[in-house]
């Protein structure tokens, strides 16, 4: 059980459209601009293994991407991100939100360090959030939902 499972079950049992939101913080220049796009993402290491295959879209322009991971070292995460950059997968992306990167090894403050390094390499607006990752709290996100970032909130709506 736990709060994350309860939240997911509440979402799944709700009448559609499904909605969700969580807190985000801008990395770099704060902006009062709203960012919109289709929500896509997940575990960075898993999705990176799909780059260049038919199982990952080759064009993510107009998307709000989100990434998190666990059990990966900082150098490996940076190599995964270099693969995304070199593959032009961030071309036309509206914004990227980095969640939590957990169990990274012995580097103190590794999570915040790696997020800062990933953000510095990212060619679009970047946000961070402590609300999703492999550990609690892990707010549900719906891939394919319409998403928008307004101020310090990412809101999504999957109206089927």
Protein backbone atom coordinates (compact mmCIF):
# COMPACT_ATOMS: atom_id res chain seq x y z
CA UNK A 1 0.00 0.00 0.00
CA UNK A 2 1.05 3.43 0.97
CA UNK A 3 0.02 6.91 -0.08
CA UNK A 4 1.40 6.52 -3.62
CA UNK A 5 -0.73 3.43 -4.30
CA UNK A 6 -3.81 5.11 -2.82
CA UNK A 7 -3.25 8.16 -5.04
CA UNK A 8 -2.83 5.97 -8.13
CA UNK A 9 -5.93 3.91 -7.33
CA UNK A 10 -7.96 7.10 -6.76
CA UNK A 11 -6.84 8.37 -10.16
CA UNK A 12 -7.63 5.11 -11.94
CA UNK A 13 -11.07 4.84 -10.33
CA UNK A 14 -12.03 8.46 -11.04
CA UNK A 15 -14.30 9.41 -13.86
CA UNK A 16 -12.34 10.68 -16.80
CA UNK A 17 -10.76 13.00 -17.74
CA UNK A 18 -7.80 12.08 -15.55
CA UNK A 19 -5.96 15.04 -14.10
CA UNK A 20 -2.86 15.52 -12.02
CA UNK A 21 -0.46 18.13 -10.86
CA UNK A 22 2.73 18.53 -8.93
CA UNK A 23 5.20 21.17 -7.86
CA UNK A 24 8.14 22.17 -10.09
CA UNK A 25 10.98 24.65 -9.72
CA UNK A 26 12.76 26.31 -12.65
CA UNK A 27 16.45 25.60 -13.10
CA UNK A 28 18.36 28.48 -14.61
CA UNK A 29 16.61 31.68 -15.54
CA UNK A 30 13.18 31.80 -13.91
CA UNK A 31 10.50 32.75 -16.37
CA UNK A 32 6.85 33.71 -16.07
CA UNK A 33 6.15 31.97 -19.34
CA UNK A 34 3.73 29.05 -19.59
CA UNK A 35 4.99 25.90 -21.28
CA UNK A 36 2.62 23.43 -22.92
CA UNK A 37 2.92 20.11 -24.68
CA UNK A 38 2.20 16.40 -24.67
CA UNK A 39 3.58 14.66 -21.58
CA UNK A 40 6.20 11.97 -22.20
CA UNK A 41 8.99 10.42 -20.21
CA UNK A 42 9.90 8.05 -17.42
CA UNK A 43 13.04 6.27 -16.34
CA UNK A 44 16.00 7.85 -18.19
CA UNK A 45 18.07 4.65 -18.42
CA UNK A 46 15.16 2.58 -19.76
CA UNK A 47 14.12 5.17 -22.34
CA UNK A 48 17.74 5.73 -23.40
CA UNK A 49 17.98 2.07 -24.36
CA UNK A 50 15.11 2.70 -26.81
CA UNK A 51 16.80 5.62 -28.64
CA UNK A 52 17.02 4.79 -32.34
CA UNK A 53 14.46 1.98 -32.17
CA UNK A 54 10.84 2.01 -33.37
CA UNK A 55 9.78 1.86 -29.71
CA UNK A 56 10.67 5.50 -29.00
CA UNK A 57 9.24 8.43 -30.97
CA UNK A 58 11.90 10.03 -33.17
CA UNK A 59 10.25 13.46 -32.92
CA UNK A 60 9.36 14.82 -29.48
CA UNK A 61 8.87 18.43 -30.53
CA UNK A 62 5.96 20.03 -28.73
CA UNK A 63 6.34 17.71 -25.73
CA UNK A 64 6.93 18.31 -22.04
CA UNK A 65 9.40 15.60 -21.06
CA UNK A 66 9.97 14.16 -17.59
CA UNK A 67 12.80 11.93 -16.38
CA UNK A 68 13.88 10.18 -13.21
CA UNK A 69 16.02 7.14 -12.38
CA UNK A 70 17.42 4.95 -9.63
CA UNK A 71 20.57 2.89 -9.18
CA UNK A 72 22.51 4.65 -11.94
CA UNK A 73 25.81 6.49 -11.44
CA UNK A 74 26.14 10.18 -12.27
CA UNK A 75 28.57 9.55 -15.18
CA UNK A 76 26.20 6.98 -16.69
CA UNK A 77 23.23 9.38 -16.41
CA UNK A 78 25.27 12.08 -18.15
CA UNK A 79 26.14 9.63 -20.95
CA UNK A 80 22.47 8.75 -21.37
CA UNK A 81 21.65 12.44 -21.64
CA UNK A 82 24.44 12.95 -24.21
CA UNK A 83 22.74 10.22 -26.28
CA UNK A 84 19.45 12.18 -26.18
CA UNK A 85 21.25 15.37 -27.18
CA UNK A 86 23.23 13.74 -29.98
CA UNK A 87 20.07 12.09 -31.32
CA UNK A 88 18.31 15.49 -31.60
CA UNK A 89 15.47 14.16 -29.43
CA UNK A 90 15.26 17.48 -27.56
CA UNK A 91 14.77 19.53 -30.73
CA UNK A 92 11.53 21.49 -30.37
CA UNK A 93 10.79 20.16 -26.86
CA UNK A 94 8.74 22.67 -24.83
CA UNK A 95 10.32 21.88 -21.45
CA UNK A 96 12.04 19.13 -19.47
CA UNK A 97 11.25 18.23 -15.84
CA UNK A 98 13.80 16.22 -13.89
CA UNK A 99 12.46 14.25 -10.94
CA UNK A 100 14.54 12.39 -8.37
CA UNK A 101 17.63 10.35 -9.15
CA UNK A 102 18.09 7.95 -6.25
CA UNK A 103 20.62 5.32 -5.12
CA UNK A 104 23.40 6.86 -7.17
CA UNK A 105 26.34 5.65 -5.08
CA UNK A 106 28.59 7.41 -2.63
CA UNK A 107 28.63 10.97 -3.96
CA UNK A 108 27.08 13.27 -1.36
CA UNK A 109 24.29 15.38 -2.83
CA UNK A 110 24.58 13.36 -6.05
CA UNK A 111 20.93 13.86 -6.96
CA UNK A 112 21.07 17.65 -6.96
CA UNK A 113 24.50 17.65 -8.63
CA UNK A 114 23.41 15.42 -11.51
CA UNK A 115 20.18 17.40 -12.06
CA UNK A 116 22.23 20.62 -12.23
CA UNK A 117 24.59 19.02 -14.74
CA UNK A 118 21.75 17.63 -16.87
CA UNK A 119 20.03 21.03 -16.84
CA UNK A 120 23.21 22.82 -17.93
CA UNK A 121 23.32 20.64 -21.04
CA UNK A 122 19.63 20.97 -21.93
CA UNK A 123 18.70 23.33 -24.80
CA UNK A 124 15.17 24.10 -23.59
CA UNK A 125 13.58 25.33 -20.33
CA UNK A 126 14.30 22.96 -17.44
CA UNK A 127 12.47 22.33 -14.17
CA UNK A 128 13.00 20.01 -11.24
CA UNK A 129 10.53 18.28 -8.98
CA UNK A 130 10.80 16.22 -5.81
CA UNK A 131 7.32 14.77 -6.43
CA UNK A 132 8.23 11.85 -8.69
CA UNK A 133 10.87 9.14 -8.95
CA UNK A 134 11.27 5.55 -7.85
CA UNK A 135 10.52 6.32 -4.19
CA UNK A 136 7.76 8.07 -2.20
CA UNK A 137 6.35 10.52 -3.04
CA UNK A 138 5.76 9.27 -6.57
CA UNK A 139 2.92 11.26 -8.13
CA UNK A 140 1.20 9.52 -11.07
CA UNK A 141 1.93 10.96 -14.53
CA UNK A 142 0.02 10.10 -17.70
CA UNK A 143 2.10 9.71 -20.84
CA UNK A 144 0.22 11.32 -23.72
CA UNK A 145 -1.65 13.79 -21.52
CA UNK A 146 -1.85 17.47 -22.37
CA UNK A 147 0.50 19.22 -19.94
CA UNK A 148 1.26 22.77 -18.99
CA UNK A 149 3.71 24.37 -16.62
CA UNK A 150 2.31 27.47 -14.93
CA UNK A 151 4.47 29.12 -12.31
CA UNK A 152 5.51 26.42 -9.86
CA UNK A 153 3.01 23.72 -11.02
CA UNK A 154 2.95 21.13 -13.76
CA UNK A 155 -0.67 20.28 -14.56
CA UNK A 156 -1.79 17.49 -16.84
CA UNK A 157 -5.11 16.35 -18.26
CA UNK A 158 -5.80 13.12 -20.10
CA UNK A 159 -9.31 13.48 -21.49
CA UNK A 160 -10.39 10.26 -23.16
